[in-house]
Amino acid sequence: MKFGIFYELQLPRPWEPGGELRLYQNALDQVELADRLGYDYAWEVEHHFLEEYSHSPAPEVFSPPPRSAQSASASRTASCS
């Protein structure tokens, strides 16, 4: 059995300066932790034109490189319109 995490990167209003940066940094920190804990996948959904629901128009930008050559986790994306 394999385990993974799934992100939609929701950012409700009111938006604050630096809010999206913090959102992405926190998510990437969680992906790194999941990798260290042995999770197999990190999924990031692609959405367009949804202001609060998902701040992710380009999930390939979100995909962090594995922390090492021994890393078992893989990044995946899912597109939803």
N, C-alpha and C. Protein backbone atom coordinates (compact mmCIF):
# COMPACT_ATOMS: atom_id res chain seq x y z
N MET A 1 0.84 -1.15 0.00
CA MET A 1 0.00 0.00 0.00
C MET A 1 0.90 1.24 0.00
N LYS A 2 0.53 2.23 -0.80
CA LYS A 2 1.28 3.48 -0.87
C LYS A 2 0.43 4.61 -0.31
N PHE A 3 1.12 5.59 0.25
CA PHE A 3 0.44 6.74 0.84
C PHE A 3 0.94 8.03 0.22
N GLY A 4 0.08 9.02 0.18
CA GLY A 4 0.46 10.31 -0.36
C GLY A 4 -0.33 11.43 0.28
N ILE A 5 -0.02 12.64 -0.13
CA ILE A 5 -0.74 13.82 0.32
C ILE A 5 -1.28 14.55 -0.90
N PHE A 6 -2.31 15.35 -0.68
CA PHE A 6 -3.04 16.00 -1.76
C PHE A 6 -3.26 17.46 -1.41
N TYR A 7 -2.96 18.36 -2.35
CA TYR A 7 -3.08 19.79 -2.10
C TYR A 7 -3.98 20.49 -3.10
N GLU A 8 -4.78 21.43 -2.59
CA GLU A 8 -5.55 22.33 -3.44
C GLU A 8 -5.17 23.78 -3.17
N LEU A 9 -4.36 24.02 -2.17
CA LEU A 9 -3.84 25.36 -1.85
C LEU A 9 -4.94 26.42 -1.76
N GLN A 10 -5.82 26.24 -0.81
CA GLN A 10 -6.92 27.18 -0.60
C GLN A 10 -6.43 28.39 0.22
N LEU A 11 -6.86 29.56 -0.20
CA LEU A 11 -6.50 30.80 0.49
C LEU A 11 -7.73 31.70 0.54
N PRO A 12 -8.50 31.60 1.65
CA PRO A 12 -9.72 32.40 1.75
C PRO A 12 -9.40 33.88 1.97
N ARG A 13 -10.36 34.71 1.64
CA ARG A 13 -10.24 36.14 1.90
C ARG A 13 -10.43 36.39 3.39
N PRO A 14 -9.95 37.47 3.91
CA PRO A 14 -9.25 38.57 3.25
C PRO A 14 -7.79 38.20 2.99
N TRP A 15 -7.31 38.54 1.80
CA TRP A 15 -5.94 38.26 1.43
C TRP A 15 -5.02 39.29 2.05
N GLU A 16 -3.91 38.81 2.56
CA GLU A 16 -2.91 39.66 3.18
C GLU A 16 -1.65 39.66 2.31
N PRO A 17 -0.85 40.72 2.40
CA PRO A 17 0.42 40.71 1.66
C PRO A 17 1.26 39.51 2.09
N GLY A 18 1.78 38.80 1.12
CA GLY A 18 2.61 37.64 1.39
C GLY A 18 1.83 36.38 1.69
N GLY A 19 0.51 36.43 1.60
CA GLY A 19 -0.32 35.27 1.92
C GLY A 19 -0.07 34.08 1.02
N GLU A 20 0.01 34.32 -0.28
CA GLU A 20 0.27 33.22 -1.21
C GLU A 20 1.66 32.64 -1.02
N LEU A 21 2.62 33.50 -0.76
CA LEU A 21 3.99 33.03 -0.51
C LEU A 21 4.01 32.09 0.70
N ARG A 22 3.36 32.49 1.79
CA ARG A 22 3.29 31.64 2.98
C ARG A 22 2.55 30.32 2.67
N LEU A 23 1.49 30.41 1.91
CA LEU A 23 0.73 29.22 1.53
C LEU A 23 1.62 28.21 0.81
N TYR A 24 2.35 28.68 -0.18
CA TYR A 24 3.24 27.79 -0.93
C TYR A 24 4.39 27.29 -0.07
N GLN A 25 4.98 28.17 0.74
CA GLN A 25 6.10 27.74 1.59
C GLN A 25 5.66 26.66 2.58
N ASN A 26 4.49 26.86 3.19
CA ASN A 26 3.98 25.86 4.14
C ASN A 26 3.72 24.53 3.44
N ALA A 27 3.12 24.58 2.27
CA ALA A 27 2.83 23.35 1.54
C ALA A 27 4.12 22.63 1.14
N LEU A 28 5.11 23.37 0.67
CA LEU A 28 6.38 22.75 0.29
C LEU A 28 7.10 22.16 1.51
N ASP A 29 7.01 22.84 2.65
CA ASP A 29 7.57 22.29 3.89
C ASP A 29 6.88 20.97 4.25
N GLN A 30 5.57 20.92 4.07
CA GLN A 30 4.83 19.70 4.37
C GLN A 30 5.19 18.58 3.40
N VAL A 31 5.41 18.91 2.13
CA VAL A 31 5.82 17.90 1.15
C VAL A 31 7.20 17.36 1.53
N GLU A 32 8.09 18.23 1.95
CA GLU A 32 9.43 17.79 2.35
C GLU A 32 9.34 16.87 3.57
N LEU A 33 8.50 17.24 4.54
CA LEU A 33 8.31 16.39 5.72
C LEU A 33 7.72 15.04 5.33
N ALA A 34 6.72 15.06 4.46
CA ALA A 34 6.11 13.80 4.01
C ALA A 34 7.14 12.91 3.34
N ASP A 35 8.04 13.51 2.58
CA ASP A 35 9.10 12.74 1.92
C ASP A 35 10.00 12.09 2.97
N ARG A 36 10.38 12.86 3.98
CA ARG A 36 11.23 12.31 5.04
C ARG A 36 10.53 11.19 5.81
N LEU A 37 9.20 11.28 5.92
CA LEU A 37 8.43 10.28 6.65
C LEU A 37 8.11 9.05 5.80
N GLY A 38 8.48 9.09 4.52
CA GLY A 38 8.31 7.93 3.66
C GLY A 38 7.03 7.92 2.82
N TYR A 39 6.34 9.05 2.74
CA TYR A 39 5.15 9.10 1.87
C TYR A 39 5.58 8.88 0.43
N ASP A 40 4.69 8.32 -0.36
CA ASP A 40 5.04 7.96 -1.73
C ASP A 40 4.73 9.03 -2.77
N TYR A 41 3.69 9.83 -2.53
CA TYR A 41 3.25 10.80 -3.53
C TYR A 41 2.86 12.12 -2.88
N ALA A 42 2.99 13.18 -3.68
CA ALA A 42 2.45 14.49 -3.33
C ALA A 42 1.67 14.96 -4.56
N TRP A 43 0.35 15.08 -4.42
CA TRP A 43 -0.51 15.49 -5.52
C TRP A 43 -0.84 16.96 -5.39
N GLU A 44 -0.86 17.67 -6.49
CA GLU A 44 -1.22 19.09 -6.53
C GLU A 44 -2.25 19.27 -7.64
N VAL A 45 -3.40 19.80 -7.29
CA VAL A 45 -4.48 20.01 -8.25
C VAL A 45 -4.23 21.29 -9.05
N GLU A 46 -4.61 21.26 -10.32
CA GLU A 46 -4.55 22.45 -11.17
C GLU A 46 -5.96 23.01 -11.33
N HIS A 47 -6.14 24.25 -10.95
CA HIS A 47 -7.41 24.95 -11.12
C HIS A 47 -7.15 26.30 -11.76
N HIS A 48 -8.14 26.79 -12.48
CA HIS A 48 -8.05 28.13 -13.07
C HIS A 48 -9.30 28.91 -12.71
N PHE A 49 -9.12 30.19 -12.45
CA PHE A 49 -10.22 31.14 -12.26
C PHE A 49 -11.06 30.87 -11.01
N LEU A 50 -10.47 30.27 -10.00
CA LEU A 50 -11.15 30.05 -8.73
C LEU A 50 -10.40 30.83 -7.67
N GLU A 51 -10.90 31.99 -7.31
CA GLU A 51 -10.14 32.93 -6.49
C GLU A 51 -9.76 32.40 -5.11
N GLU A 52 -10.65 31.76 -4.40
CA GLU A 52 -10.35 31.32 -3.05
C GLU A 52 -10.15 29.81 -2.95
N TYR A 53 -10.68 29.10 -3.91
CA TYR A 53 -10.71 27.64 -3.81
C TYR A 53 -9.35 26.99 -4.04
N SER A 54 -8.63 27.44 -5.02
CA SER A 54 -7.35 26.82 -5.30
C SER A 54 -6.42 27.80 -6.01
N HIS A 55 -5.34 28.13 -5.35
CA HIS A 55 -4.35 29.05 -5.92
C HIS A 55 -3.27 28.23 -6.61
N SER A 56 -3.65 27.55 -7.65
CA SER A 56 -2.70 26.66 -8.31
C SER A 56 -2.96 26.55 -9.81
N PRO A 57 -2.62 27.57 -10.57
CA PRO A 57 -2.83 27.49 -12.00
C PRO A 57 -1.74 26.68 -12.72
N ALA A 58 -0.62 26.42 -12.06
CA ALA A 58 0.49 25.71 -12.70
C ALA A 58 1.16 24.79 -11.68
N PRO A 59 0.64 23.59 -11.46
CA PRO A 59 1.18 22.71 -10.43
C PRO A 59 2.62 22.26 -10.68
N GLU A 60 3.07 22.30 -11.93
CA GLU A 60 4.46 21.90 -12.18
C GLU A 60 5.44 22.87 -11.52
N VAL A 61 5.01 24.09 -11.27
CA VAL A 61 5.86 25.06 -10.56
C VAL A 61 5.94 24.67 -9.08
N PHE A 62 4.87 24.10 -8.56
CA PHE A 62 4.81 23.67 -7.17
C PHE A 62 5.71 22.48 -6.91
N SER A 63 5.91 21.63 -7.87
CA SER A 63 6.63 20.37 -7.68
C SER A 63 8.07 20.61 -7.26
N PRO A 64 8.38 20.27 -6.01
CA PRO A 64 9.77 20.45 -5.56
C PRO A 64 10.64 19.29 -6.04
N PRO A 65 11.91 19.51 -6.18
CA PRO A 65 12.79 18.39 -6.53
C PRO A 65 12.94 17.47 -5.31
N PRO A 66 13.16 16.19 -5.51
CA PRO A 66 13.41 15.30 -4.37
C PRO A 66 14.60 15.81 -3.57
N ARG A 67 14.56 15.63 -2.28
CA ARG A 67 15.64 16.15 -1.43
C ARG A 67 16.94 15.38 -1.61
N SER A 68 16.85 14.16 -2.13
CA SER A 68 18.07 13.39 -2.37
C SER A 68 17.79 12.34 -3.44
N ALA A 69 18.85 11.74 -3.92
CA ALA A 69 18.69 10.69 -4.92
C ALA A 69 17.99 9.47 -4.34
N GLN A 70 18.05 9.32 -3.01
CA GLN A 70 17.40 8.18 -2.37
C GLN A 70 15.93 8.42 -2.12
N SER A 71 15.44 9.60 -2.40
CA SER A 71 14.04 9.94 -2.13
C SER A 71 13.11 9.04 -2.91
N ALA A 72 12.08 8.53 -2.24
CA ALA A 72 11.14 7.64 -2.88
C ALA A 72 9.89 8.37 -3.36
N SER A 73 9.68 9.59 -2.89
CA SER A 73 8.43 10.26 -3.22
C SER A 73 8.48 10.82 -4.64
N ALA A 74 7.29 10.93 -5.23
CA ALA A 74 7.15 11.49 -6.56
C ALA A 74 6.05 12.52 -6.52
N SER A 75 6.19 13.60 -7.28
CA SER A 75 5.15 14.60 -7.37
C SER A 75 4.21 14.25 -8.51
N ARG A 76 2.93 14.47 -8.29
CA ARG A 76 1.91 14.19 -9.30
C ARG A 76 1.01 15.41 -9.40
N THR A 77 0.36 15.56 -10.52
CA THR A 77 -0.58 16.66 -10.70
C THR A 77 -1.92 16.11 -11.19
N ALA A 78 -2.97 16.88 -10.89
CA ALA A 78 -4.31 16.53 -11.36
C ALA A 78 -4.95 17.80 -11.89
N SER A 79 -5.53 17.75 -13.05
CA SER A 79 -6.13 18.94 -13.65
C SER A 79 -7.65 18.88 -13.51
N CYS A 80 -8.21 19.96 -12.98
CA CYS A 80 -9.67 20.07 -12.82
C CYS A 80 -10.11 21.40 -13.39
N SER A 81 -11.14 21.39 -14.19
CA SER A 81 -11.63 22.63 -14.76
C SER A 81 -12.91 23.05 -14.10
